[in-house]
Amino acid sequence: MYDLNDIHQAFKLPKTKLPHQWRHRIRDRLTQTAKLRAGRTAANGHLSHHTWATQEALYAYAMWCDVDFYMAVVEAFTALTNGDIEEAQEIAQTVVSVHEQRATELYLKGHH
């Protein structure tokens, strides 16, 4: 799972986009289906807060944070439903390539 707090910090998002600020029906649904969960860990005398997310929940959070990412998802889904698989893949690959290195680092960090 991914820690949305790490995502927030890595991409230098504004405080208004902190995971605990995400109050929406989508977050509620993801929590109900165990695709999103909050917790705390203690290390070296410090208490850390985490918001753990599956890949689907990570995408939902990213869509809430970034309108460009939201539109890329909509455009890729539209292309896919219109039968243009290559266009959908191209859109998705464009988004992935922009953040691929950092996303990989965050993924590896979340899978100790």
PDB file of N, CA and C in Angstrom:
ATOM      1  N   MET A   1       0.849  -1.183   0.000  1.00  0.00           N
ATOM      2  CA  MET A   1       0.000   0.000   0.000  1.00  0.00           C
ATOM      3  C   MET A   1       0.889   1.240   0.000  1.00  0.00           C
ATOM      4  N   TYR A   2       0.324   2.313  -0.425  1.00  0.00           N
ATOM      5  CA  TYR A   2       1.030   3.589  -0.512  1.00  0.00           C
ATOM      6  C   TYR A   2       0.633   4.460   0.673  1.00  0.00           C
ATOM      7  N   ASP A   3       1.568   5.250   1.185  1.00  0.00           N
ATOM      8  CA  ASP A   3       1.257   6.204   2.244  1.00  0.00           C
ATOM      9  C   ASP A   3       0.990   7.559   1.587  1.00  0.00           C
ATOM     10  N   LEU A   4      -0.256   8.000   1.643  1.00  0.00           N
ATOM     11  CA  LEU A   4      -0.625   9.263   0.998  1.00  0.00           C
ATOM     12  C   LEU A   4       0.093  10.457   1.619  1.00  0.00           C
ATOM     13  N   ASN A   5       0.504  10.338   2.879  1.00  0.00           N
ATOM     14  CA  ASN A   5       1.273  11.421   3.495  1.00  0.00           C
ATOM     15  C   ASN A   5       2.630  11.565   2.808  1.00  0.00           C
ATOM     16  N   ASP A   6       3.241  10.437   2.427  1.00  0.00           N
ATOM     17  CA  ASP A   6       4.498  10.493   1.668  1.00  0.00           C
ATOM     18  C   ASP A   6       4.274  11.129   0.302  1.00  0.00           C
ATOM     19  N   ILE A   7       3.168  10.770  -0.338  1.00  0.00           N
ATOM     20  CA  ILE A   7       2.833  11.338  -1.648  1.00  0.00           C
ATOM     21  C   ILE A   7       2.685  12.854  -1.521  1.00  0.00           C
ATOM     22  N   HIS A   8       1.934  13.280  -0.504  1.00  0.00           N
ATOM     23  CA  HIS A   8       1.713  14.710  -0.269  1.00  0.00           C
ATOM     24  C   HIS A   8       3.040  15.443  -0.111  1.00  0.00           C
ATOM     25  N   GLN A   9       3.908  14.889   0.693  1.00  0.00           N
ATOM     26  CA  GLN A   9       5.198  15.523   0.952  1.00  0.00           C
ATOM     27  C   GLN A   9       6.093  15.503  -0.287  1.00  0.00           C
ATOM     28  N   ALA A  10       6.155  14.386  -0.973  1.00  0.00           N
ATOM     29  CA  ALA A  10       7.049  14.249  -2.131  1.00  0.00           C
ATOM     30  C   ALA A  10       6.693  15.210  -3.257  1.00  0.00           C
ATOM     31  N   PHE A  11       5.399  15.432  -3.460  1.00  0.00           N
ATOM     32  CA  PHE A  11       4.971  16.306  -4.544  1.00  0.00           C
ATOM     33  C   PHE A  11       4.715  17.735  -4.077  1.00  0.00           C
ATOM     34  N   LYS A  12       5.085  18.014  -2.821  1.00  0.00           N
ATOM     35  CA  LYS A  12       4.997  19.368  -2.268  1.00  0.00           C
ATOM     36  C   LYS A  12       3.618  19.990  -2.498  1.00  0.00           C
ATOM     37  N   LEU A  13       2.593  19.225  -2.128  1.00  0.00           N
ATOM     38  CA  LEU A  13       1.216  19.693  -2.285  1.00  0.00           C
ATOM     39  C   LEU A  13       0.872  20.679  -1.177  1.00  0.00           C
ATOM     40  N   PRO A  14      -0.083  21.562  -1.410  1.00  0.00           N
ATOM     41  CA  PRO A  14      -0.468  22.524  -0.369  1.00  0.00           C
ATOM     42  C   PRO A  14      -1.128  21.819   0.818  1.00  0.00           C
ATOM     43  N   LYS A  15      -1.136  22.494   1.961  1.00  0.00           N
ATOM     44  CA  LYS A  15      -1.734  21.919   3.174  1.00  0.00           C
ATOM     45  C   LYS A  15      -3.199  21.554   2.978  1.00  0.00           C
ATOM     46  N   THR A  16      -3.873  22.268   2.094  1.00  0.00           N
ATOM     47  CA  THR A  16      -5.289  21.970   1.846  1.00  0.00           C
ATOM     48  C   THR A  16      -5.478  20.620   1.170  1.00  0.00           C
ATOM     49  N   LYS A  17      -4.385  20.020   0.693  1.00  0.00           N
ATOM     50  CA  LYS A  17      -4.459  18.711   0.035  1.00  0.00           C
ATOM     51  C   LYS A  17      -3.866  17.594   0.894  1.00  0.00           C
ATOM     52  N   LEU A  18      -3.679  17.853   2.200  1.00  0.00           N
ATOM     53  CA  LEU A  18      -3.250  16.790   3.105  1.00  0.00           C
ATOM     54  C   LEU A  18      -4.301  15.679   3.096  1.00  0.00           C
ATOM     55  N   PRO A  19      -3.879  14.422   3.213  1.00  0.00           N
ATOM     56  CA  PRO A  19      -4.851  13.326   3.159  1.00  0.00           C
ATOM     57  C   PRO A  19      -6.017  13.468   4.139  1.00  0.00           C
ATOM     58  N   HIS A  20      -5.748  13.963   5.350  1.00  0.00           N
ATOM     59  CA  HIS A  20      -6.862  14.085   6.307  1.00  0.00           C
ATOM     60  C   HIS A  20      -7.847  15.199   5.922  1.00  0.00           C
ATOM     61  N   GLN A  21      -7.476  16.054   4.960  1.00  0.00           N
ATOM     62  CA  GLN A  21      -8.390  17.089   4.471  1.00  0.00           C
ATOM     63  C   GLN A  21      -9.351  16.547   3.411  1.00  0.00           C
ATOM     64  N   TRP A  22      -9.063  15.359   2.918  1.00  0.00           N
ATOM     65  CA  TRP A  22      -9.857  14.741   1.849  1.00  0.00           C
ATOM     66  C   TRP A  22     -11.134  14.186   2.449  1.00  0.00           C
ATOM     67  N   ARG A  23     -12.179  14.979   2.419  1.00  0.00           N
ATOM     68  CA  ARG A  23     -13.477  14.571   2.952  1.00  0.00           C
ATOM     69  C   ARG A  23     -14.451  14.523   1.785  1.00  0.00           C
ATOM     70  N   HIS A  24     -14.797  13.332   1.416  1.00  0.00           N
ATOM     71  CA  HIS A  24     -15.601  13.169   0.216  1.00  0.00           C
ATOM     72  C   HIS A  24     -16.231  11.788   0.239  1.00  0.00           C
ATOM     73  N   ARG A  25     -17.300  11.615  -0.507  1.00  0.00           N
ATOM     74  CA  ARG A  25     -17.952  10.302  -0.595  1.00  0.00           C
ATOM     75  C   ARG A  25     -17.004   9.236  -1.114  1.00  0.00           C
ATOM     76  N   ILE A  26     -16.117   9.614  -2.000  1.00  0.00           N
ATOM     77  CA  ILE A  26     -15.171   8.644  -2.554  1.00  0.00           C
ATOM     78  C   ILE A  26     -14.251   8.118  -1.458  1.00  0.00           C
ATOM     79  N   ARG A  27     -13.740   9.009  -0.620  1.00  0.00           N
ATOM     80  CA  ARG A  27     -12.886   8.569   0.490  1.00  0.00           C
ATOM     81  C   ARG A  27     -13.670   7.639   1.402  1.00  0.00           C
ATOM     82  N   ASP A  28     -14.911   7.990   1.697  1.00  0.00           N
ATOM     83  CA  ASP A  28     -15.743   7.143   2.556  1.00  0.00           C
ATOM     84  C   ASP A  28     -15.896   5.750   1.959  1.00  0.00           C
ATOM     85  N   ARG A  29     -16.149   5.683   0.678  1.00  0.00           N
ATOM     86  CA  ARG A  29     -16.328   4.392   0.000  1.00  0.00           C
ATOM     87  C   ARG A  29     -15.037   3.578   0.021  1.00  0.00           C
ATOM     88  N   LEU A  30     -13.916   4.228  -0.234  1.00  0.00           N
ATOM     89  CA  LEU A  30     -12.627   3.537  -0.215  1.00  0.00           C
ATOM     90  C   LEU A  30     -12.305   3.008   1.179  1.00  0.00           C
ATOM     91  N   THR A  31     -12.673   3.753   2.205  1.00  0.00           N
ATOM     92  CA  THR A  31     -12.462   3.300   3.576  1.00  0.00           C
ATOM     93  C   THR A  31     -13.342   2.088   3.871  1.00  0.00           C
ATOM     94  N   GLN A  32     -14.603   2.133   3.449  1.00  0.00           N
ATOM     95  CA  GLN A  32     -15.530   1.019   3.673  1.00  0.00           C
ATOM     96  C   GLN A  32     -15.062  -0.261   2.992  1.00  0.00           C
ATOM     97  N   THR A  33     -14.410  -0.141   1.858  1.00  0.00           N
ATOM     98  CA  THR A  33     -13.973  -1.318   1.106  1.00  0.00           C
ATOM     99  C   THR A  33     -12.522  -1.696   1.420  1.00  0.00           C
ATOM    100  N   ALA A  34     -11.968  -1.113   2.458  1.00  0.00           N
ATOM    101  CA  ALA A  34     -10.607  -1.413   2.934  1.00  0.00           C
ATOM    102  C   ALA A  34      -9.521  -1.064   1.915  1.00  0.00           C
ATOM    103  N   LYS A  35      -9.814  -0.140   1.021  1.00  0.00           N
ATOM    104  CA  LYS A  35      -8.799   0.309   0.067  1.00  0.00           C
ATOM    105  C   LYS A  35      -8.062   1.539   0.593  1.00  0.00           C
ATOM    106  N   LEU A  36      -8.528   2.036   1.739  1.00  0.00           N
ATOM    107  CA  LEU A  36      -7.931   3.211   2.356  1.00  0.00           C
ATOM    108  C   LEU A  36      -8.067   3.047   3.863  1.00  0.00           C
ATOM    109  N   ARG A  37      -6.975   3.275   4.583  1.00  0.00           N
ATOM    110  CA  ARG A  37      -7.053   3.198   6.038  1.00  0.00           C
ATOM    111  C   ARG A  37      -6.022   4.128   6.658  1.00  0.00           C
ATOM    112  N   ALA A  38      -6.377   4.655   7.790  1.00  0.00           N
ATOM    113  CA  ALA A  38      -5.496   5.568   8.509  1.00  0.00           C
ATOM    114  C   ALA A  38      -4.940   4.848   9.727  1.00  0.00           C
ATOM    115  N   GLY A  39      -3.756   5.275  10.138  1.00  0.00           N
ATOM    116  CA  GLY A  39      -3.149   4.674  11.311  1.00  0.00           C
ATOM    117  C   GLY A  39      -1.974   5.486  11.792  1.00  0.00           C
ATOM    118  N   ARG A  40      -1.389   5.001  12.880  1.00  0.00           N
ATOM    119  CA  ARG A  40      -0.228   5.666  13.462  1.00  0.00           C
ATOM    120  C   ARG A  40       0.844   4.625  13.739  1.00  0.00           C
ATOM    121  N   THR A  41       2.071   5.060  13.659  1.00  0.00           N
ATOM    122  CA  THR A  41       3.194   4.212  14.037  1.00  0.00           C
ATOM    123  C   THR A  41       4.110   5.011  14.945  1.00  0.00           C
ATOM    124  N   ALA A  42       4.791   4.301  15.819  1.00  0.00           N
ATOM    125  CA  ALA A  42       5.742   4.940  16.717  1.00  0.00           C
ATOM    126  C   ALA A  42       7.134   4.436  16.379  1.00  0.00           C
ATOM    127  N   ALA A  43       8.052   5.368  16.241  1.00  0.00           N
ATOM    128  CA  ALA A  43       9.450   5.019  15.981  1.00  0.00           C
ATOM    129  C   ALA A  43      10.336   6.077  16.617  1.00  0.00           C
ATOM    130  N   ASN A  44      11.326   5.630  17.349  1.00  0.00           N
ATOM    131  CA  ASN A  44      12.280   6.542  17.998  1.00  0.00           C
ATOM    132  C   ASN A  44      11.581   7.601  18.841  1.00  0.00           C
ATOM    133  N   GLY A  45      10.527   7.213  19.510  1.00  0.00           N
ATOM    134  CA  GLY A  45       9.813   8.135  20.381  1.00  0.00           C
ATOM    135  C   GLY A  45       8.908   9.121  19.674  1.00  0.00           C
ATOM    136  N   HIS A  46       8.751   8.992  18.365  1.00  0.00           N
ATOM    137  CA  HIS A  46       7.901   9.893  17.590  1.00  0.00           C
ATOM    138  C   HIS A  46       6.700   9.136  17.048  1.00  0.00           C
ATOM    139  N   LEU A  47       5.565   9.778  17.115  1.00  0.00           N
ATOM    140  CA  LEU A  47       4.335   9.199  16.586  1.00  0.00           C
ATOM    141  C   LEU A  47       4.096   9.764  15.189  1.00  0.00           C
ATOM    142  N   SER A  48       3.947   8.888  14.213  1.00  0.00           N
ATOM    143  CA  SER A  48       3.710   9.309  12.831  1.00  0.00           C
ATOM    144  C   SER A  48       2.323   8.885  12.389  1.00  0.00           C
ATOM    145  N   HIS A  49       1.661   9.761  11.664  1.00  0.00           N
ATOM    146  CA  HIS A  49       0.338   9.459  11.117  1.00  0.00           C
ATOM    147  C   HIS A  49       0.501   9.014   9.669  1.00  0.00           C
ATOM    148  N   HIS A  50      -0.300   8.037   9.288  1.00  0.00           N
ATOM    149  CA  HIS A  50      -0.245   7.503   7.931  1.00  0.00           C
ATOM    150  C   HIS A  50      -1.653   7.348   7.388  1.00  0.00           C
ATOM    151  N   THR A  51      -1.789   7.492   6.096  1.00  0.00           N
ATOM    152  CA  THR A  51      -3.026   7.167   5.394  1.00  0.00           C
ATOM    153  C   THR A  51      -2.629   6.202   4.295  1.00  0.00           C
ATOM    154  N   TRP A  52      -2.890   4.922   4.517  1.00  0.00           N
ATOM    155  CA  TRP A  52      -2.482   3.871   3.589  1.00  0.00           C
ATOM    156  C   TRP A  52      -3.538   3.682   2.519  1.00  0.00           C
ATOM    157  N   ALA A  53      -3.079   3.538   1.282  1.00  0.00           N
ATOM    158  CA  ALA A  53      -3.999   3.448   0.149  1.00  0.00           C
ATOM    159  C   ALA A  53      -3.567   2.365  -0.834  1.00  0.00           C
ATOM    160  N   THR A  54      -4.543   1.686  -1.406  1.00  0.00           N
ATOM    161  CA  THR A  54      -4.273   0.780  -2.520  1.00  0.00           C
ATOM    162  C   THR A  54      -3.991   1.637  -3.751  1.00  0.00           C
ATOM    163  N   GLN A  55      -3.641   0.994  -4.840  1.00  0.00           N
ATOM    164  CA  GLN A  55      -3.372   1.739  -6.068  1.00  0.00           C
ATOM    165  C   GLN A  55      -4.621   2.499  -6.518  1.00  0.00           C
ATOM    166  N   GLU A  56      -5.795   1.874  -6.396  1.00  0.00           N
ATOM    167  CA  GLU A  56      -7.038   2.547  -6.783  1.00  0.00           C
ATOM    168  C   GLU A  56      -7.281   3.787  -5.932  1.00  0.00           C
ATOM    169  N   ALA A  57      -7.055   3.677  -4.631  1.00  0.00           N
ATOM    170  CA  ALA A  57      -7.242   4.819  -3.736  1.00  0.00           C
ATOM    171  C   ALA A  57      -6.201   5.902  -4.008  1.00  0.00           C
ATOM    172  N   LEU A  58      -4.992   5.494  -4.351  1.00  0.00           N
ATOM    173  CA  LEU A  58      -3.957   6.461  -4.718  1.00  0.00           C
ATOM    174  C   LEU A  58      -4.399   7.284  -5.922  1.00  0.00           C
ATOM    175  N   TYR A  59      -4.963   6.625  -6.926  1.00  0.00           N
ATOM    176  CA  TYR A  59      -5.457   7.349  -8.102  1.00  0.00           C
ATOM    177  C   TYR A  59      -6.576   8.314  -7.719  1.00  0.00           C
ATOM    178  N   ALA A  60      -7.487   7.879  -6.865  1.00  0.00           N
ATOM    179  CA  ALA A  60      -8.591   8.747  -6.439  1.00  0.00           C
ATOM    180  C   ALA A  60      -8.054   9.978  -5.708  1.00  0.00           C
ATOM    181  N   TYR A  61      -7.077   9.779  -4.833  1.00  0.00           N
ATOM    182  CA  TYR A  61      -6.463  10.895  -4.115  1.00  0.00           C
ATOM    183  C   TYR A  61      -5.770  11.840  -5.100  1.00  0.00           C
ATOM    184  N   ALA A  62      -5.028  11.280  -6.049  1.00  0.00           N
ATOM    185  CA  ALA A  62      -4.333  12.104  -7.046  1.00  0.00           C
ATOM    186  C   ALA A  62      -5.325  12.906  -7.879  1.00  0.00           C
ATOM    187  N   MET A  63      -6.473  12.306  -8.190  1.00  0.00           N
ATOM    188  CA  MET A  63      -7.501  13.024  -8.958  1.00  0.00           C
ATOM    189  C   MET A  63      -8.058  14.190  -8.146  1.00  0.00           C
ATOM    190  N   TRP A  64      -8.163  14.023  -6.838  1.00  0.00           N
ATOM    191  CA  TRP A  64      -8.645  15.096  -5.968  1.00  0.00           C
ATOM    192  C   TRP A  64      -7.604  16.218  -5.884  1.00  0.00           C
ATOM    193  N   CYS A  65      -6.333  15.849  -5.895  1.00  0.00           N
ATOM    194  CA  CYS A  65      -5.254  16.830  -5.744  1.00  0.00           C
ATOM    195  C   CYS A  65      -4.933  17.600  -7.012  1.00  0.00           C
ATOM    196  N   ASP A  66      -5.096  16.962  -8.165  1.00  0.00           N
ATOM    197  CA  ASP A  66      -4.556  17.522  -9.403  1.00  0.00           C
ATOM    198  C   ASP A  66      -5.568  17.419 -10.542  1.00  0.00           C
ATOM    199  N   VAL A  67      -6.096  18.552 -10.966  1.00  0.00           N
ATOM    200  CA  VAL A  67      -7.106  18.562 -12.027  1.00  0.00           C
ATOM    201  C   VAL A  67      -6.537  18.042 -13.348  1.00  0.00           C
ATOM    202  N   ASP A  68      -5.250  18.253 -13.602  1.00  0.00           N
ATOM    203  CA  ASP A  68      -4.654  17.724 -14.833  1.00  0.00           C
ATOM    204  C   ASP A  68      -4.648  16.194 -14.825  1.00  0.00           C
ATOM    205  N   PHE A  69      -4.336  15.612 -13.670  1.00  0.00           N
ATOM    206  CA  PHE A  69      -4.379  14.153 -13.558  1.00  0.00           C
ATOM    207  C   PHE A  69      -5.820  13.665 -13.705  1.00  0.00           C
ATOM    208  N   TYR A  70      -6.738  14.366 -13.084  1.00  0.00           N
ATOM    209  CA  TYR A  70      -8.161  14.021 -13.194  1.00  0.00           C
ATOM    210  C   TYR A  70      -8.588  13.986 -14.660  1.00  0.00           C
ATOM    211  N   MET A  71      -8.222  15.024 -15.404  1.00  0.00           N
ATOM    212  CA  MET A  71      -8.604  15.095 -16.816  1.00  0.00           C
ATOM    213  C   MET A  71      -7.925  13.998 -17.637  1.00  0.00           C
ATOM    214  N   ALA A  72      -6.685  13.663 -17.309  1.00  0.00           N
ATOM    215  CA  ALA A  72      -6.001  12.575 -18.022  1.00  0.00           C
ATOM    216  C   ALA A  72      -6.726  11.253 -17.806  1.00  0.00           C
ATOM    217  N   VAL A  73      -7.197  11.011 -16.586  1.00  0.00           N
ATOM    218  CA  VAL A  73      -7.952   9.784 -16.298  1.00  0.00           C
ATOM    219  C   VAL A  73      -9.255   9.775 -17.090  1.00  0.00           C
ATOM    220  N   VAL A  74      -9.955  10.902 -17.105  1.00  0.00           N
ATOM    221  CA  VAL A  74     -11.211  10.998 -17.860  1.00  0.00           C
ATOM    222  C   VAL A  74     -10.949  10.778 -19.354  1.00  0.00           C
ATOM    223  N   GLU A  75      -9.909  11.406 -19.879  1.00  0.00           N
ATOM    224  CA  GLU A  75      -9.590  11.260 -21.306  1.00  0.00           C
ATOM    225  C   GLU A  75      -9.200   9.818 -21.651  1.00  0.00           C
ATOM    226  N   ALA A  76      -8.418   9.185 -20.791  1.00  0.00           N
ATOM    227  CA  ALA A  76      -8.021   7.791 -21.042  1.00  0.00           C
ATOM    228  C   ALA A  76      -9.235   6.867 -20.980  1.00  0.00           C
ATOM    229  N   PHE A  77     -10.107   7.090 -20.012  1.00  0.00           N
ATOM    230  CA  PHE A  77     -11.311   6.263 -19.896  1.00  0.00           C
ATOM    231  C   PHE A  77     -12.224   6.478 -21.104  1.00  0.00           C
ATOM    232  N   THR A  78     -12.347   7.718 -21.543  1.00  0.00           N
ATOM    233  CA  THR A  78     -13.164   8.020 -22.725  1.00  0.00           C
ATOM    234  C   THR A  78     -12.608   7.309 -23.952  1.00  0.00           C
ATOM    235  N   ALA A  79     -11.306   7.393 -24.144  1.00  0.00           N
ATOM    236  CA  ALA A  79     -10.682   6.709 -25.284  1.00  0.00           C
ATOM    237  C   ALA A  79     -10.913   5.200 -25.197  1.00  0.00           C
ATOM    238  N   LEU A  80     -10.781   4.653 -24.007  1.00  0.00           N
ATOM    239  CA  LEU A  80     -10.973   3.216 -23.818  1.00  0.00           C
ATOM    240  C   LEU A  80     -12.403   2.792 -24.132  1.00  0.00           C
ATOM    241  N   THR A  81     -13.380   3.550 -23.638  1.00  0.00           N
ATOM    242  CA  THR A  81     -14.780   3.190 -23.892  1.00  0.00           C
ATOM    243  C   THR A  81     -15.180   3.410 -25.341  1.00  0.00           C
ATOM    244  N   ASN A  82     -14.439   4.256 -26.051  1.00  0.00           N
ATOM    245  CA  ASN A  82     -14.684   4.452 -27.484  1.00  0.00           C
ATOM    246  C   ASN A  82     -13.916   3.444 -28.333  1.00  0.00           C
ATOM    247  N   GLY A  83     -13.238   2.507 -27.676  1.00  0.00           N
ATOM    248  CA  GLY A  83     -12.520   1.461 -28.391  1.00  0.00           C
ATOM    249  C   GLY A  83     -11.131   1.833 -28.851  1.00  0.00           C
ATOM    250  N   ASP A  84     -10.652   3.004 -28.459  1.00  0.00           N
ATOM    251  CA  ASP A  84      -9.318   3.448 -28.880  1.00  0.00           C
ATOM    252  C   ASP A  84      -8.303   3.096 -27.789  1.00  0.00           C
ATOM    253  N   ILE A  85      -7.955   1.830 -27.747  1.00  0.00           N
ATOM    254  CA  ILE A  85      -7.061   1.325 -26.708  1.00  0.00           C
ATOM    255  C   ILE A  85      -5.681   1.974 -26.803  1.00  0.00           C
ATOM    256  N   GLU A  86      -5.187   2.164 -28.010  1.00  0.00           N
ATOM    257  CA  GLU A  86      -3.868   2.783 -28.175  1.00  0.00           C
ATOM    258  C   GLU A  86      -3.845   4.205 -27.626  1.00  0.00           C
ATOM    259  N   GLU A  87      -4.901   4.970 -27.882  1.00  0.00           N
ATOM    260  CA  GLU A  87      -4.979   6.344 -27.359  1.00  0.00           C
ATOM    261  C   GLU A  87      -5.026   6.321 -25.833  1.00  0.00           C
ATOM    262  N   ALA A  88      -5.813   5.417 -25.269  1.00  0.00           N
ATOM    263  CA  ALA A  88      -5.903   5.301 -23.810  1.00  0.00           C
ATOM    264  C   ALA A  88      -4.537   4.972 -23.217  1.00  0.00           C
ATOM    265  N   GLN A  89      -3.831   4.048 -23.841  1.00  0.00           N
ATOM    266  CA  GLN A  89      -2.500   3.678 -23.366  1.00  0.00           C
ATOM    267  C   GLN A  89      -1.529   4.847 -23.488  1.00  0.00           C
ATOM    268  N   GLU A  90      -1.628   5.600 -24.563  1.00  0.00           N
ATOM    269  CA  GLU A  90      -0.740   6.747 -24.762  1.00  0.00           C
ATOM    270  C   GLU A  90      -0.973   7.810 -23.689  1.00  0.00           C
ATOM    271  N   ILE A  91      -2.228   8.085 -23.392  1.00  0.00           N
ATOM    272  CA  ILE A  91      -2.552   9.063 -22.346  1.00  0.00           C
ATOM    273  C   ILE A  91      -2.012   8.585 -21.006  1.00  0.00           C
ATOM    274  N   ALA A  92      -2.282   7.331 -20.682  1.00  0.00           N
ATOM    275  CA  ALA A  92      -1.815   6.779 -19.405  1.00  0.00           C
ATOM    276  C   ALA A  92      -0.290   6.803 -19.330  1.00  0.00           C
ATOM    277  N   GLN A  93       0.372   6.439 -20.396  1.00  0.00           N
ATOM    278  CA  GLN A  93       1.835   6.412 -20.406  1.00  0.00           C
ATOM    279  C   GLN A  93       2.420   7.808 -20.238  1.00  0.00           C
ATOM    280  N   THR A  94       1.779   8.806 -20.817  1.00  0.00           N
ATOM    281  CA  THR A  94       2.242  10.183 -20.660  1.00  0.00           C
ATOM    282  C   THR A  94       2.221  10.591 -19.193  1.00  0.00           C
ATOM    283  N   VAL A  95       1.131  10.272 -18.514  1.00  0.00           N
ATOM    284  CA  VAL A  95       1.011  10.601 -17.091  1.00  0.00           C
ATOM    285  C   VAL A  95       2.035   9.818 -16.284  1.00  0.00           C
ATOM    286  N   VAL A  96       2.161   8.548 -16.577  1.00  0.00           N
ATOM    287  CA  VAL A  96       3.091   7.693 -15.844  1.00  0.00           C
ATOM    288  C   VAL A  96       4.527   8.159 -16.027  1.00  0.00           C
ATOM    289  N   SER A  97       4.912   8.483 -17.236  1.00  0.00           N
ATOM    290  CA  SER A  97       6.302   8.862 -17.491  1.00  0.00           C
ATOM    291  C   SER A  97       6.688  10.141 -16.764  1.00  0.00           C
ATOM    292  N   VAL A  98       5.743  11.031 -16.554  1.00  0.00           N
ATOM    293  CA  VAL A  98       6.028  12.283 -15.860  1.00  0.00           C
ATOM    294  C   VAL A  98       6.435  12.027 -14.414  1.00  0.00           C
ATOM    295  N   HIS A  99       5.773  11.057 -13.773  1.00  0.00           N
ATOM    296  CA  HIS A  99       6.014  10.799 -12.348  1.00  0.00           C
ATOM    297  C   HIS A  99       6.614   9.423 -12.072  1.00  0.00           C
ATOM    298  N   GLU A 100       7.034   8.721 -13.098  1.00  0.00           N
ATOM    299  CA  GLU A 100       7.443   7.328 -12.935  1.00  0.00           C
ATOM    300  C   GLU A 100       8.562   7.124 -11.919  1.00  0.00           C
ATOM    301  N   GLN A 101       9.618   7.890 -11.994  1.00  0.00           N
ATOM    302  CA  GLN A 101      10.746   7.679 -11.096  1.00  0.00           C
ATOM    303  C   GLN A 101      10.340   7.915  -9.645  1.00  0.00           C
ATOM    304  N   ARG A 102       9.664   9.018  -9.376  1.00  0.00           N
ATOM    305  CA  ARG A 102       9.281   9.328  -7.998  1.00  0.00           C
ATOM    306  C   ARG A 102       8.235   8.342  -7.499  1.00  0.00           C
ATOM    307  N   ALA A 103       7.307   7.968  -8.345  1.00  0.00           N
ATOM    308  CA  ALA A 103       6.279   7.005  -7.952  1.00  0.00           C
ATOM    309  C   ALA A 103       6.906   5.661  -7.599  1.00  0.00           C
ATOM    310  N   THR A 104       7.914   5.257  -8.346  1.00  0.00           N
ATOM    311  CA  THR A 104       8.601   3.997  -8.056  1.00  0.00           C
ATOM    312  C   THR A 104       9.286   4.069  -6.701  1.00  0.00           C
ATOM    313  N   GLU A 105       9.933   5.184  -6.422  1.00  0.00           N
ATOM    314  CA  GLU A 105      10.577   5.360  -5.122  1.00  0.00           C
ATOM    315  C   GLU A 105       9.553   5.268  -3.999  1.00  0.00           C
ATOM    316  N   LEU A 106       8.417   5.929  -4.180  1.00  0.00           N
ATOM    317  CA  LEU A 106       7.380   5.907  -3.154  1.00  0.00           C
ATOM    318  C   LEU A 106       6.779   4.516  -3.001  1.00  0.00           C
ATOM    319  N   TYR A 107       6.598   3.814  -4.107  1.00  0.00           N
ATOM    320  CA  TYR A 107       6.068   2.454  -4.064  1.00  0.00           C
ATOM    321  C   TYR A 107       7.005   1.555  -3.262  1.00  0.00           C
ATOM    322  N   LEU A 108       8.297   1.639  -3.553  1.00  0.00           N
ATOM    323  CA  LEU A 108       9.265   0.814  -2.846  1.00  0.00           C
ATOM    324  C   LEU A 108       9.320   1.174  -1.369  1.00  0.00           C
ATOM    325  N   LYS A 109       9.181   2.439  -1.061  1.00  0.00           N
ATOM    326  CA  LYS A 109       9.178   2.872   0.331  1.00  0.00           C
ATOM    327  C   LYS A 109       7.965   2.301   1.062  1.00  0.00           C
ATOM    328  N   GLY A 110       6.822   2.229   0.381  1.00  0.00           N
ATOM    329  CA  GLY A 110       5.598   1.710   0.988  1.00  0.00           C
ATOM    330  C   GLY A 110       5.561   0.208   1.111  1.00  0.00           C
ATOM    331  N   HIS A 111       6.488  -0.486   0.457  1.00  0.00           N
ATOM    332  CA  HIS A 111       6.537  -1.953   0.493  1.00  0.00           C
ATOM    333  C   HIS A 111       7.855  -2.417   1.114  1.00  0.00           C
ATOM    334  N   HIS A 112       8.078  -2.006   2.368  1.00  0.00           N
ATOM    335  CA  HIS A 112       9.337  -2.340   3.055  1.00  0.00           C
ATOM    336  C   HIS A 112       9.541  -3.837   3.060  1.00  0.00           C
TER     337      HIS A 112
END
